[in-house]
Structure formats: C-alpha cells, structure tokens
Protein backbone atom coordinates (compact mmCIF):
# COMPACT_ATOMS: atom_id res chain seq x y z
CA MET A 1 -0.02 -145.04 50.09
CA ASP A 2 2.91 -145.29 47.60
CA ALA A 3 1.61 -146.14 44.10
CA GLN A 4 4.77 -147.93 42.95
CA THR A 5 4.68 -150.14 46.16
CA LEU A 6 1.03 -151.01 45.62
CA LYS A 7 1.64 -151.89 42.03
CA GLU A 8 4.66 -154.21 42.88
CA ALA A 9 2.79 -155.91 45.67
CA ALA A 10 -0.22 -156.37 43.32
CA GLN A 11 1.87 -157.85 40.59
CA ALA A 12 3.45 -160.22 43.10
CA ILE A 13 0.10 -161.46 44.23
CA ALA A 14 -1.42 -161.68 40.86
CA ALA A 15 1.47 -163.84 39.52
CA TRP A 16 1.17 -165.97 42.56
CA LEU A 17 -2.56 -166.34 41.78
CA SER A 18 -1.82 -167.10 38.27
CA SER A 19 -0.21 -170.39 39.22
CA ALA A 20 -2.74 -173.31 39.24
CA ARG A 21 -0.65 -175.33 41.59
CA GLU A 22 -0.56 -172.32 44.14
CA LEU A 23 -4.24 -171.28 43.72
CA PRO A 24 -5.63 -172.76 46.77
CA ALA A 25 -2.98 -171.48 48.97
CA ALA A 26 -3.47 -168.09 47.36
CA LEU A 27 -7.09 -167.97 48.01
CA GLU A 28 -6.44 -169.03 51.61
CA TYR A 29 -3.87 -166.37 51.90
CA LEU A 30 -6.46 -163.71 50.69
CA TRP A 31 -9.03 -164.93 53.06
CA ARG A 32 -6.53 -164.51 55.91
CA ILE A 33 -5.99 -160.90 54.84
CA VAL A 34 -9.67 -160.24 55.05
CA GLN A 35 -9.89 -161.81 58.49
CA GLY A 36 -6.74 -160.09 59.79
CA ARG A 37 -5.05 -163.26 60.50
CA ASP A 38 -2.46 -163.33 57.65
CA MET A 39 1.10 -164.42 58.29
CA PHE A 40 2.55 -163.13 55.03
CA CYS A 41 4.11 -166.35 53.97
CA GLY A 42 4.84 -166.91 50.37
CA LEU A 43 5.40 -163.24 49.40
CA GLU A 44 8.69 -161.83 48.29
CA GLN A 45 11.21 -161.40 51.25
CA ARG A 46 11.14 -157.72 50.72
CA THR A 47 7.44 -157.72 51.77
CA LYS A 48 8.15 -160.04 54.70
CA MET A 49 10.76 -157.48 55.95
CA GLN A 50 8.42 -154.73 55.91
CA MET A 51 5.21 -156.50 56.94
CA LYS A 52 4.32 -154.20 59.82
CA THR A 53 4.21 -151.05 57.85
CA TRP A 54 3.00 -152.79 54.65
CA LYS A 55 -0.14 -154.44 56.10
CA ALA A 56 -2.53 -151.86 54.63
CA THR A 57 -0.69 -151.80 51.41
CA ILE A 58 -0.72 -155.46 51.00
CA GLU A 59 -4.49 -155.62 51.71
CA SER A 60 -5.09 -153.02 49.11
CA ALA A 61 -2.67 -154.75 46.68
CA ALA A 62 -4.45 -158.05 47.12
CA MET A 63 -7.81 -156.57 46.27
CA ALA A 64 -6.14 -154.85 43.31
CA ALA A 65 -4.58 -158.04 42.09
CA VAL A 66 -7.93 -159.83 42.29
CA GLY A 67 -9.41 -156.99 40.48
CA LEU A 68 -6.90 -157.20 37.77
CA MET A 69 -7.63 -160.88 37.29
CA LEU A 70 -11.46 -160.51 37.41
CA MET A 71 -11.44 -157.79 34.91
CA GLY A 72 -8.88 -159.45 32.64
CA GLY A 73 -6.59 -156.55 33.23
CA ARG A 74 -2.84 -156.66 32.50
CA CYS A 75 -0.30 -157.38 35.24
CA ASP A 76 3.00 -156.43 33.80
CA GLY A 77 5.71 -158.83 34.67
CA ALA A 78 6.67 -162.00 36.45
CA ASP A 79 9.89 -163.63 37.43
CA TRP A 80 11.34 -166.71 35.45
CA PRO A 81 13.12 -168.12 38.50
CA GLN A 82 14.02 -171.67 37.28
CA PHE A 83 14.13 -174.15 34.33
CA MET A 84 10.80 -173.85 32.21
CA GLY A 85 9.56 -170.89 34.13
CA PRO A 86 7.61 -170.12 37.44
CA ASN A 87 5.52 -173.29 36.90
CA GLY A 88 8.13 -175.50 35.42
CA ASP A 89 5.96 -175.94 32.32
CA GLY A 90 7.18 -173.34 29.93
CA THR A 91 4.15 -171.13 30.55
CA SER A 92 4.21 -167.46 31.66
CA PRO A 93 1.56 -165.55 33.45
CA GLU A 94 2.28 -162.49 31.39
CA LYS A 95 -0.31 -161.12 28.97
CA GLY A 96 -0.59 -158.39 26.27
CA LEU A 97 2.73 -158.99 24.96
CA SER A 98 3.83 -158.12 21.29
CA SER A 99 2.67 -160.39 18.56
CA SER A 100 3.99 -158.25 15.71
CA TRP A 101 7.05 -156.14 15.12
CA PRO A 102 8.80 -154.04 12.45
CA ALA A 103 10.77 -155.75 9.59
CA GLU A 104 13.88 -155.46 11.57
CA GLY A 105 12.46 -157.33 14.34
CA PRO A 106 11.75 -156.51 18.09
CA ARG A 107 13.93 -154.03 19.78
CA VAL A 108 17.09 -155.65 21.29
CA LEU A 109 17.75 -154.02 24.58
CA TRP A 110 21.19 -155.49 25.18
CA THR A 111 23.61 -158.21 24.09
CA VAL A 112 26.28 -159.97 26.15
CA LYS A 113 28.97 -162.36 24.79
CA LEU A 114 28.96 -165.87 26.24
CA GLY A 115 31.07 -168.99 25.74
CA ALA A 116 29.54 -171.92 23.93
CA GLY A 117 26.73 -173.69 25.41
CA TYR A 118 22.97 -174.43 25.79
CA GLY A 119 22.14 -173.26 29.32
CA GLY A 120 19.10 -171.07 29.75
CA ALA A 121 18.58 -167.95 31.88
CA ALA A 122 16.56 -167.69 35.11
CA VAL A 123 15.25 -164.28 36.16
CA ARG A 124 14.30 -162.95 39.72
CA ASP A 125 14.15 -159.43 41.14
CA GLY A 126 15.48 -157.76 38.09
CA GLN A 127 18.48 -160.07 37.84
CA VAL A 128 19.40 -162.48 35.11
CA PHE A 129 21.36 -165.70 36.20
CA LEU A 130 22.91 -168.03 33.69
CA MET A 131 25.74 -170.62 33.51
CA ASP A 132 28.71 -170.24 31.33
CA ARG A 133 31.99 -172.16 30.78
CA ALA A 134 35.48 -170.84 30.28
CA ASP A 135 38.23 -172.52 28.29
CA ARG A 136 37.31 -176.04 29.30
CA GLN A 137 38.79 -175.12 32.81
CA GLN A 138 36.02 -173.50 34.73
CA ASP A 139 32.29 -173.24 35.12
CA LEU A 140 30.80 -169.84 36.13
CA LEU A 141 27.54 -168.25 37.13
CA ARG A 142 26.99 -164.95 35.74
CA CYS A 143 24.47 -162.44 37.31
CA LEU A 144 23.41 -159.73 34.80
CA ASP A 145 21.15 -156.65 35.26
CA LEU A 146 17.76 -157.36 33.54
CA GLU A 147 17.59 -153.74 32.34
CA THR A 148 21.03 -153.13 30.99
CA GLY A 149 22.84 -156.48 30.75
CA LYS A 150 25.64 -155.22 33.03
CA GLU A 151 27.32 -157.93 34.95
CA GLN A 152 26.58 -157.57 38.69
CA TRP A 153 28.53 -160.44 40.12
CA SER A 154 29.88 -163.85 38.97
CA PHE A 155 31.06 -167.06 40.79
CA ALA A 156 33.44 -169.52 39.20
CA TYR A 157 34.86 -172.96 40.21
CA ASP A 158 37.40 -175.17 38.67
CA ALA A 159 35.95 -178.00 36.32
CA PRO A 160 38.67 -179.02 34.00
CA GLY A 161 37.80 -181.47 31.28
CA ARG A 162 36.51 -181.83 27.70
CA ILE A 163 32.97 -182.78 26.81
CA SER A 164 31.29 -183.29 23.32
CA HIS A 165 29.35 -180.17 22.44
CA ASP A 166 31.19 -178.07 24.94
CA GLY A 167 29.62 -175.56 27.17
CA SER A 168 26.89 -174.97 29.78
CA ARG A 169 23.81 -177.14 29.84
CA SER A 170 21.55 -176.20 32.74
CA THR A 171 19.44 -173.36 33.96
CA PRO A 172 20.08 -171.90 37.53
CA ALA A 173 17.17 -172.14 40.00
CA VAL A 174 16.71 -168.83 42.17
CA THR A 175 15.02 -168.32 45.35
CA ALA A 176 14.82 -165.34 47.67
CA LYS A 177 17.98 -166.39 49.39
CA HIS A 178 19.90 -168.74 47.09
CA VAL A 179 20.98 -169.66 43.68
CA PHE A 180 21.32 -173.37 42.82
CA ILE A 181 23.59 -174.42 39.88
CA ILE A 182 24.62 -177.63 38.29
CA GLY A 183 27.61 -177.96 36.07
CA PRO A 184 28.33 -180.47 33.22
CA PHE A 185 30.62 -182.52 35.51
CA GLY A 186 28.01 -182.87 38.25
CA HIS A 187 28.96 -180.06 40.60
CA LEU A 188 26.06 -178.83 42.52
CA HIS A 189 26.46 -175.47 44.42
CA ALA A 190 24.01 -173.54 46.65
CA LEU A 191 25.17 -169.80 46.61
CA ASP A 192 24.16 -167.26 48.95
CA ARG A 193 22.49 -164.29 47.04
CA ALA A 194 23.54 -161.75 49.60
CA THR A 195 27.24 -162.68 50.01
CA HIS A 196 27.74 -164.58 46.64
CA GLY A 197 29.56 -167.29 48.70
CA VAL A 198 28.95 -171.06 48.74
CA ALA A 199 26.39 -172.12 51.28
CA TRP A 200 26.91 -175.82 50.54
CA LYS A 201 27.93 -177.97 47.67
CA LYS A 202 27.85 -181.63 46.49
CA ASN A 203 28.56 -183.65 43.32
CA LEU A 204 25.95 -185.62 41.70
CA LEU A 205 28.46 -188.02 40.10
CA ALA A 206 31.35 -188.43 42.72
CA ASP A 207 29.02 -188.41 45.72
CA PHE A 208 26.76 -191.03 44.47
CA GLY A 209 28.93 -193.21 42.40
CA VAL A 210 27.65 -192.24 38.90
CA ARG A 211 29.55 -192.25 35.63
CA LEU A 212 29.71 -189.06 33.50
CA PRO A 213 27.04 -189.46 30.94
CA THR A 214 28.16 -189.17 27.07
CA TRP A 215 26.99 -185.64 26.78
CA ALA A 216 27.73 -184.59 30.44
CA VAL A 217 25.32 -183.66 33.05
CA ALA A 218 22.55 -181.48 31.67
CA GLN A 219 19.78 -181.37 34.29
CA SER A 220 18.68 -178.23 36.15
CA PRO A 221 17.94 -178.09 39.93
CA ILE A 222 14.24 -177.69 40.76
CA PRO A 223 13.13 -175.82 44.03
CA TYR A 224 10.21 -177.43 45.73
CA ARG A 225 8.93 -175.94 48.91
CA ASP A 226 11.94 -175.68 51.28
CA MET A 227 14.04 -178.38 49.33
CA VAL A 228 15.81 -178.46 45.95
CA LEU A 229 15.35 -181.59 43.68
CA VAL A 230 18.09 -183.16 41.75
CA ALA A 231 18.56 -186.60 40.06
CA PRO A 232 21.76 -188.43 40.46
CA GLN A 233 20.09 -191.52 38.79
CA GLY A 234 22.56 -194.00 40.20
CA ALA A 235 22.47 -197.12 42.31
CA GLN A 236 22.72 -195.22 45.54
CA ALA A 237 20.08 -192.51 44.82
CA GLY A 238 17.67 -192.02 41.95
CA LEU A 239 16.02 -188.85 42.92
CA LEU A 240 17.29 -186.63 45.63
CA ALA A 241 15.63 -183.85 47.82
CA LEU A 242 17.98 -181.50 49.82
CA GLU A 243 17.17 -178.78 52.21
CA GLN A 244 17.80 -175.44 50.55
CA THR A 245 19.63 -173.76 53.43
CA THR A 246 21.87 -176.73 54.53
CA GLY A 247 21.94 -179.13 51.71
CA LYS A 248 20.96 -181.74 54.30
CA GLU A 249 19.39 -184.78 52.63
CA ARG A 250 15.63 -184.77 53.30
CA TRP A 251 15.11 -188.02 51.27
CA ARG A 252 16.48 -190.07 48.53
CA SER A 253 14.62 -192.42 46.19
CA GLY A 254 15.75 -195.93 45.14
CA PRO A 255 17.15 -196.43 41.62
CA VAL A 256 15.02 -194.92 38.86
CA GLY A 257 17.21 -195.93 35.77
CA SER A 258 20.48 -194.67 34.40
CA MET A 259 21.24 -190.99 34.10
CA GLY A 260 19.66 -189.25 31.07
CA TYR A 261 19.49 -185.60 30.46
CA ALA A 262 16.12 -184.62 31.74
CA SER A 263 15.41 -182.49 34.79
CA PRO A 264 13.15 -183.48 37.66
CA LYS A 265 9.67 -182.17 37.51
CA VAL A 266 6.84 -181.97 40.04
CA VAL A 267 3.32 -182.86 38.94
CA LYS A 268 0.07 -183.29 40.68
CA LEU A 269 -1.50 -186.86 40.30
CA GLY A 270 -4.23 -188.32 42.40
CA GLY A 271 -4.30 -185.17 44.47
CA ILE A 272 -0.72 -185.41 45.62
CA ASP A 273 2.64 -184.11 44.32
CA HIS A 274 4.85 -186.46 42.46
CA VAL A 275 8.34 -185.96 41.29
CA THR A 276 8.88 -187.37 37.74
CA ILE A 277 12.09 -188.13 35.84
CA VAL A 278 12.55 -189.42 32.32
CA THR A 279 15.52 -191.92 31.94
CA PRO A 280 16.62 -194.01 29.02
CA GLU A 281 14.15 -196.77 30.26
CA GLY A 282 11.16 -194.49 30.66
CA VAL A 283 9.32 -192.20 33.06
CA ARG A 284 9.46 -192.72 36.89
CA GLY A 285 7.32 -191.09 39.62
CA VAL A 286 8.10 -190.85 43.29
CA ARG A 287 6.16 -189.31 46.18
CA ALA A 288 7.30 -185.74 46.62
CA SER A 289 6.89 -186.00 50.46
CA ASP A 290 9.37 -188.96 50.99
CA GLY A 291 10.84 -190.21 47.69
CA GLN A 292 8.83 -193.41 47.56
CA LEU A 293 8.88 -194.94 44.04
CA LEU A 294 5.20 -195.15 43.24
CA TRP A 295 4.92 -195.97 39.40
CA SER A 296 6.77 -196.36 36.24
CA TYR A 297 5.99 -196.19 32.52
CA GLY A 298 8.12 -197.72 29.82
CA HIS A 299 9.21 -195.29 27.15
CA PRO A 300 12.69 -196.19 25.99
CA CYS A 301 14.74 -193.33 24.48
CA LYS A 302 18.50 -193.54 24.19
CA ILE A 303 19.10 -189.88 25.03
CA PRO A 304 16.09 -188.55 26.83
CA ILE A 305 15.97 -184.84 27.46
CA PRO A 306 12.36 -183.53 27.77
CA ASN A 307 10.25 -184.30 30.80
CA VAL A 308 6.56 -184.87 30.88
CA THR A 309 3.76 -182.34 30.12
CA GLU A 310 0.63 -182.42 32.31
CA LEU A 311 -2.67 -182.67 30.54
CA GLY A 312 -5.16 -182.74 33.50
CA GLY A 313 -7.14 -185.67 34.63
CA ASP A 314 -3.87 -187.43 35.98
CA ARG A 315 -2.67 -187.72 32.25
CA LEU A 316 0.88 -187.16 31.13
CA PHE A 317 2.49 -186.62 27.76
CA VAL A 318 5.94 -187.91 27.22
CA THR A 319 8.16 -187.35 24.13
CA GLY A 320 11.61 -188.10 22.80
CA GLY A 321 13.89 -188.09 19.84
CA TYR A 322 15.85 -190.82 18.21
CA ASN A 323 12.60 -192.50 17.01
CA ALA A 324 11.29 -192.90 20.49
CA GLY A 325 7.98 -191.12 19.60
CA SER A 326 5.49 -189.85 22.06
CA ALA A 327 2.83 -191.26 24.31
CA ILE A 328 0.01 -190.30 26.66
CA PHE A 329 -0.59 -192.17 29.75
CA GLN A 330 -2.76 -191.93 32.95
CA VAL A 331 -1.56 -192.50 36.67
CA SER A 332 -3.99 -193.61 39.30
CA GLY A 333 -3.93 -194.76 42.77
CA GLN A 334 -3.49 -193.88 46.44
CA GLY A 335 -1.30 -194.63 49.37
CA ASP A 336 1.52 -196.91 48.08
CA GLN A 337 -0.57 -198.62 45.46
CA TRP A 338 -0.41 -196.81 41.97
CA SER A 339 -0.90 -198.02 38.39
CA VAL A 340 -0.32 -196.66 34.83
CA LYS A 341 -2.67 -197.01 31.89
CA GLU A 342 -1.32 -196.15 28.42
CA LEU A 343 -3.97 -194.07 26.46
CA ALA A 344 -2.13 -193.45 23.26
CA ARG A 345 1.20 -194.10 21.62
CA ILE A 346 2.58 -192.18 18.72
CA ASP A 347 5.27 -193.94 16.78
CA GLN A 348 8.44 -192.04 15.87
CA ILE A 349 7.09 -188.46 15.97
CA GLY A 350 8.66 -186.82 19.11
CA GLY A 351 10.48 -183.87 20.51
CA GLN A 352 14.17 -184.12 20.96
CA CYS A 353 15.13 -181.18 23.16
CA HIS A 354 12.11 -179.50 24.60
CA PRO A 355 8.90 -180.66 26.33
CA ALA A 356 5.45 -180.00 24.69
CA LEU A 357 3.30 -177.01 25.60
CA ALA A 358 -0.29 -177.68 26.42
CA TYR A 359 -3.04 -175.05 25.31
CA GLU A 360 -6.76 -175.46 25.07
CA ASP A 361 -6.68 -179.31 24.81
CA HIS A 362 -3.95 -179.46 22.37
CA LEU A 363 -0.15 -180.00 22.42
CA PHE A 364 2.34 -178.13 20.49
CA VAL A 365 5.97 -179.61 20.33
CA LEU A 366 8.97 -179.07 18.09
CA CYS A 367 9.53 -182.54 16.61
CA ASN A 368 12.57 -182.17 14.51
CA THR A 369 15.13 -184.93 15.47
CA ASN A 370 18.42 -186.32 14.06
CA GLU A 371 16.18 -188.92 12.19
CA ARG A 372 13.01 -186.86 11.13
CA ALA A 373 11.90 -183.51 10.04
CA ASP A 374 8.40 -183.05 11.40
CA GLY A 375 8.74 -179.48 12.39
CA MET A 376 6.24 -178.05 14.87
CA VAL A 377 3.49 -180.72 15.57
CA CYS A 378 -0.03 -180.32 16.99
CA PHE A 379 -1.76 -183.36 18.79
CA ASP A 380 -4.95 -183.30 20.54
CA PHE A 381 -5.15 -184.82 24.08
CA ALA A 382 -6.12 -188.20 22.59
CA GLY A 383 -2.77 -188.41 20.71
CA LYS A 384 -4.19 -187.81 17.40
CA LEU A 385 -1.86 -185.81 14.98
CA ILE A 386 -3.62 -182.48 13.87
CA TRP A 387 -0.90 -180.98 11.83
CA GLN A 388 2.79 -180.65 11.29
CA THR A 389 4.93 -178.01 9.54
CA GLN A 390 7.67 -180.37 8.63
CA ARG A 391 10.15 -177.93 6.75
CA SER A 392 7.75 -175.00 6.24
CA PRO A 393 8.92 -173.70 8.71
CA TYR A 394 11.66 -176.10 9.92
CA LEU A 395 11.71 -174.76 13.59
CA CYS A 396 14.60 -177.07 14.58
CA LYS A 397 15.00 -178.01 18.32
CA GLY A 398 14.76 -174.37 19.58
CA GLY A 399 13.01 -173.34 22.83
CA SER A 400 9.43 -171.93 23.16
CA ILE A 401 7.28 -170.20 25.70
CA LEU A 402 3.48 -169.95 26.07
CA THR A 403 2.08 -166.73 27.55
CA ALA A 404 -1.28 -166.50 29.60
CA ASP A 405 -3.20 -165.23 26.67
CA GLY A 406 -2.33 -167.84 24.18
CA LEU A 407 0.74 -166.46 22.51
CA MET A 408 3.82 -168.58 21.79
CA TYR A 409 7.46 -167.46 21.21
CA VAL A 410 9.31 -170.03 19.26
CA MET A 411 13.06 -169.97 18.30
CA ASP A 412 14.09 -171.80 15.24
CA GLY A 413 17.22 -173.67 16.50
CA ARG A 414 18.82 -173.83 13.12
CA GLU A 415 17.99 -170.42 11.55
CA GLY A 416 18.02 -168.33 14.68
CA GLU A 417 14.65 -166.88 13.79
CA LEU A 418 12.12 -165.93 16.53
CA HIS A 419 8.41 -166.55 15.68
CA ALA A 420 5.37 -165.24 17.43
CA VAL A 421 2.85 -167.94 17.03
CA ARG A 422 -0.95 -168.28 17.73
CA PRO A 423 -1.36 -171.92 18.79
CA SER A 424 -4.40 -173.42 17.16
CA PRO A 425 -5.63 -176.84 15.92
CA ALA A 426 -6.64 -174.96 12.69
CA GLY A 427 -3.00 -174.90 11.50
CA PHE A 428 0.39 -173.18 12.08
CA LYS A 429 0.19 -169.35 12.09
CA SER A 430 3.23 -167.32 12.54
CA LEU A 431 2.23 -163.79 13.27
CA ALA A 432 5.71 -162.27 12.87
CA LYS A 433 9.22 -163.46 12.70
CA ALA A 434 12.80 -162.03 13.00
CA LYS A 435 16.36 -163.26 12.71
CA LEU A 436 18.00 -162.49 16.15
CA LEU A 437 20.58 -165.25 16.41
CA GLU A 438 23.49 -166.80 14.49
CA GLY A 439 25.42 -170.02 14.10
CA ARG A 440 24.26 -173.56 14.83
CA GLU A 441 22.67 -175.59 17.65
CA ILE A 442 20.59 -172.82 18.96
CA TRP A 443 18.84 -175.01 21.38
CA GLY A 444 18.83 -173.19 24.69
CA PRO A 445 15.58 -172.64 26.55
CA LEU A 446 13.92 -169.26 26.39
CA ALA A 447 13.12 -167.04 29.45
CA LEU A 448 10.57 -164.32 29.89
CA SER A 449 10.19 -161.68 32.57
CA ASN A 450 8.59 -158.29 32.50
CA GLY A 451 8.17 -158.24 28.75
CA ARG A 452 11.78 -158.99 28.23
CA LEU A 453 12.64 -162.17 26.26
CA LEU A 454 15.86 -163.73 26.73
CA VAL A 455 17.51 -165.79 23.88
CA ARG A 456 20.80 -167.28 23.35
CA ASP A 457 23.13 -168.83 20.89
CA GLN A 458 26.65 -170.30 21.10
CA THR A 459 28.29 -166.89 21.45
CA GLN A 460 25.75 -164.46 23.01
CA ILE A 461 22.75 -163.81 24.93
CA LYS A 462 20.19 -161.14 23.93
CA CYS A 463 17.46 -159.34 25.83
CA VAL A 464 14.64 -158.54 23.41
CA ASP A 465 11.70 -156.13 24.21
CA VAL A 466 8.29 -157.90 23.56
CA ARG A 467 6.26 -155.56 25.62
CA GLY A 468 2.92 -154.66 24.06
CA ARG A 469 2.50 -151.04 22.94
C-alpha cells in the first residue's frame, strides 16, 4: 500500500469527521466500510475515480483517521474551500500549529501583488482562489499554487464602474468541479475547474430587480449539498438556491429585507438546516430544503456585515457595528411554526466586519467600529461582558481564525500585525505577534490550509508558514 496515498485518504476522512455538521454521515460512512457496503460518497473526486483500486486503502485510511482522532494525533491539513472555512464558522480542523515565532515573525513563503480590495482566499486541492479587480473595468478570479504562489490560471469579465472603497469584496466557493464567484456589481459565475470556462452565470442585481447597495455587493456564495446559496434580497427573491451544475433554480424565498453585506449561512436549529441572512432590518431564517421563511429577529443595523454565530441549544449570536450592538436569541419550533426568544441584548458593543468565534462557552469578537474602540471582546454565552482590550491592543476590524486545539490567529486591521492568541475568559493573551502587512483597511478574512495562513492587505496577499515545528 502506498504510504502517501494512505496519508492523504486518512487526512481527508479525518477532516470530514472533524466537522460537527457531517459527523453522523461520517460515522455512517465508516460503518458502511466495515460492512462492505460503502458507495464512497462524500470523498474527494480523485478517490471516487479510483474507488475500485483504492478500496483496501480507503478502509485502512478510515481506521487510521479514527485512530488519529481517538489518540489526539495530528492530521496535517485541511482545505479552506469557502468563506469562513470548511464549516462556514471561521474554525479550522487543523491542530499543532505554531503559537510562537522569531522576532522577525513567521516565515513568509510567498507574496503576490493584488489590486485594492477586501476579498478573502479559498483553498482546495493545493490551489488558492481569490477575486481581484483591475482598473475599475474588470473583475477577475485568480488561481494560485498554494506552495509557490505562481498563478496557474485566471478568469476575467467586464464590470466597468466606480464603487466607494474600490476592489474585491467576496470569497470564492470551490467544489470538486466548480468555482463560484460574485463580483461587486452582482455578477455570479460558475466556472468549470477543468476547462476554466463558464458553466453558467447570473446577476444578483439585474436578474432580480435589485439596486446596487452603497458599498456594492459584498456577499460570498455558499455551497450547500448540490446547490449554491446566494442572497439577492429583493422583492422578487430574498434567498436563492441554485443547482451547482446547471444554475437551475431549486427554490427562492420571499422577501427577507433590503440587501446588506452579509453572506448566507447554514445553521442547524430544531434538528433541521436553516439558511440565515442578516439584513439592515435583522436576522431572517428560511428552511434550507425549500426556502420557506420560518422566523425573523429584529436587530437593526444600517450596514450589516457579519452573519450569526451558533452557540448550541438552538441559540444564535448576532453582532453589528454602527451602535447596533449584539444579541443572543433562541429559535424553536417544528414544521411551519417557529418562534424566537431573545435571551440577551448587548447595547452598542458589536463587531463591524467579522462574526464572533465561539470557544468553550465564550465568544471572541473584534468590536472596533466607526463609533467605538472596544478592541477584542469576550462575552459568555449568557451575553455577559467578560473583558475587552479596547486600545491595548486595538485589533481593528481584521479577520481571525480558530484552530481545533484552541489557538486563534488574529489580524489587526489597522496595524497589519498578526497575533497568535490563546482565547480564554481569564483575559486577552497574545502569545506572539509580527507585522506582516501594510497600509490601511486590512479587513479581508484570513484563510488557513495545511499550515499555510493566507493574509492580505490593499496591495498584496502573503502565504505564511504557521506549521508547528
């Protein structure tokens, strides 16, 4: 048996198992392997193509993956295939990454120049995908090699126009066969990864009668089962589910509110999947199977950007800038009858750009806004303020990631400093920091794959080695 093949398959299965949302399916999959009835669904496409010759390898890999998990062993690497990572919540299944580095900082593996923007990277199969914008005339997808930064291919389309705070906004979504991208003028493309051509396309504004928001379209497409979720947020369609392969409409919801800047998010409430969106009026939830609007929670925010954070127990945390503050609420119900109960409301203190990360019954969120300087803030799951850094350190509006063994990487969006942080209700603790980026408005989300951390500012993207030694 080829050792590298076994390792890759073990890593794929362990990463799959690490997703709480997919755990039941993963356990069922492993049981089918033991019983000899496995159909190999849910694995990487390369495994599907070789299923006949890989069966023994996959069986061994599955056992190896379970062994790694039960023994607490390391499984190096996971893809970051969409906005906010494999689970859509800013968490990574990777462990054993670096929490300290030399005075000069972690090793920068490569740097690639970019146009201005805020769009984050997605990573799959050793390829980095990110959006860029050229001379206010074109949007383009760039595909880079994760190891070297070398551009492998690109796709551009005409999108002339001026927008305030020019540049890209969204993060691509990458599946085995497609890359889904959204541009600031609402262009939605599904690209074939093999041919690099257009499989299908739509426009979230023109096709659904929606006006361009003040700060342009900033949402990212979200893969869900065999669909991709987007949010026109207009009178004709609030949320929209499209077939990945054809772009055919699977369902559309009714109106959910005017277009904000948040991306759709899938959460599990009452035992079923809901798709949430945060609009200027508040949070809306629709049934993921058919788009039926089930519930709403009022949380006015004139420029909503973060979506909700799941707390367990059917509870959600919502946050926003512009003095919108934060809140915790619980959703309950069944069938078509659902209700919302507010559990806590936190006046004024809220995160403007990025959602909170949940760790061990506490929330950690960067709460610097245009009106306040609360720094990183820790709340408990009852909504109680535990601590805040305010200006020491400031940590302005940057992205952050939480790893599987409780290490956070946090970018200071004003200083360009990367912090390695141990999240704890006892207080803020920066284990290491290094200045990696320059300029202003360093607000793009981070991405982490195979111990490589991807960070960007308004002129460049860097790949930083944070593998443990």
